[in-house]
Amino acid sequence: MGSRRRRGKAAASYFAGYKTHIGIYPVPRGTAAFNKMLSAYRTGKGTLQFALDRPMPYALVSKIVKARIKENAAKAAAKGQKRK
């Protein structure tokens, strides 16, 4: 399973190709508008599947990765606050 890291930090997202789809993991929890964008695709607990017979929604993938980067940064900041 491949992953995408940012500046050597924790992976923002993971992806894998299967026989009928490409999966992205984990999918961040978002606003109602974000969830509406995801509703056009098959989802599971923390996963999103893009069928191979449909165009890849690169703009959506970009939004997912950016949201995960923000989530990771917030977690790191909260962890840093606990240590002080």
Protein backbone atom coordinates (compact mmCIF):
# COMPACT_ATOMS: atom_id res chain seq x y z
CA MET A 1 0.00 0.00 0.00
CA GLY A 2 1.44 3.34 -1.00
CA SER A 3 1.36 6.45 1.12
CA ARG A 4 1.86 10.16 0.79
CA ARG A 5 4.05 11.92 3.37
CA ARG A 6 4.54 15.61 3.91
CA ARG A 7 7.96 16.85 5.00
CA GLY A 8 8.81 13.43 6.38
CA LYS A 9 5.95 13.57 8.87
CA ALA A 10 3.20 11.00 9.35
CA ALA A 11 1.50 9.86 6.19
CA ALA A 12 -1.41 12.07 5.22
CA SER A 13 -3.11 9.28 3.32
CA TYR A 14 -2.64 5.77 2.01
CA PHE A 15 -3.82 4.36 -1.28
CA ALA A 16 -4.07 0.97 -2.92
CA GLY A 17 -5.22 -0.39 -6.25
CA TYR A 18 -7.57 -3.33 -6.50
CA LYS A 19 -9.25 -5.23 -9.31
CA THR A 20 -12.26 -2.90 -9.54
CA HIS A 21 -11.29 0.24 -7.61
CA ILE A 22 -8.64 2.44 -6.04
CA GLY A 23 -8.98 2.92 -2.29
CA ILE A 24 -7.88 5.88 -0.19
CA TYR A 25 -7.43 5.55 3.58
CA PRO A 26 -8.24 7.14 5.99
CA VAL A 27 -10.89 9.58 4.84
CA PRO A 28 -11.21 12.59 7.14
CA ARG A 29 -14.45 13.57 8.75
CA GLY A 30 -15.60 16.83 7.30
CA THR A 31 -18.37 19.31 7.02
CA ALA A 32 -21.73 18.52 5.48
CA ALA A 33 -20.50 19.91 2.14
CA PHE A 34 -17.41 17.69 2.26
CA ASN A 35 -19.51 14.65 3.11
CA LYS A 36 -21.84 15.46 0.21
CA MET A 37 -18.85 15.34 -2.19
CA LEU A 38 -17.96 11.90 -0.82
CA SER A 39 -21.51 10.59 -1.17
CA ALA A 40 -21.04 9.97 -4.91
CA TYR A 41 -18.46 7.27 -4.11
CA ARG A 42 -18.48 4.00 -2.24
CA THR A 43 -17.31 4.44 1.34
CA GLY A 44 -16.59 2.29 4.33
CA LYS A 45 -15.24 2.88 7.80
CA GLY A 46 -12.50 5.40 7.04
CA THR A 47 -12.21 4.39 3.37
CA LEU A 48 -13.22 5.80 0.03
CA GLN A 49 -13.33 3.80 -3.20
CA PHE A 50 -13.00 5.15 -6.73
CA ALA A 51 -14.25 2.76 -9.42
CA LEU A 52 -11.77 2.13 -12.22
CA ASP A 53 -14.42 2.60 -14.90
CA ARG A 54 -15.03 6.24 -13.89
CA PRO A 55 -12.73 9.28 -14.17
CA MET A 56 -10.46 9.83 -11.17
CA PRO A 57 -11.62 12.90 -9.18
CA TYR A 58 -8.19 14.46 -8.65
CA ALA A 59 -9.61 17.66 -7.11
CA LEU A 60 -11.44 15.60 -4.48
CA VAL A 61 -8.32 13.55 -3.74
CA SER A 62 -6.41 16.80 -3.25
CA LYS A 63 -9.05 18.07 -0.80
CA ILE A 64 -8.91 14.79 1.12
CA VAL A 65 -5.13 14.92 1.46
CA LYS A 66 -5.20 18.59 2.52
CA ALA A 67 -7.86 17.82 5.14
CA ARG A 68 -5.74 14.95 6.47
CA ILE A 69 -2.70 17.23 6.68
CA LYS A 70 -4.75 19.65 8.80
CA GLU A 71 -5.98 16.80 11.02
CA ASN A 72 -2.41 15.53 11.52
CA ALA A 73 -1.17 19.05 12.35
CA ALA A 74 -3.98 19.52 14.89
CA LYS A 75 -3.17 16.17 16.51
CA ALA A 76 0.53 17.07 16.70
CA ALA A 77 -0.26 20.46 18.23
CA ALA A 78 -2.57 18.89 20.81
CA LYS A 79 0.08 16.32 21.65
CA GLY A 80 2.66 19.07 22.10
CA GLN A 81 0.32 20.96 24.43
CA LYS A 82 -0.13 17.89 26.64
CA ARG A 83 3.65 17.60 27.18
CA LYS A 84 3.98 21.14 28.54
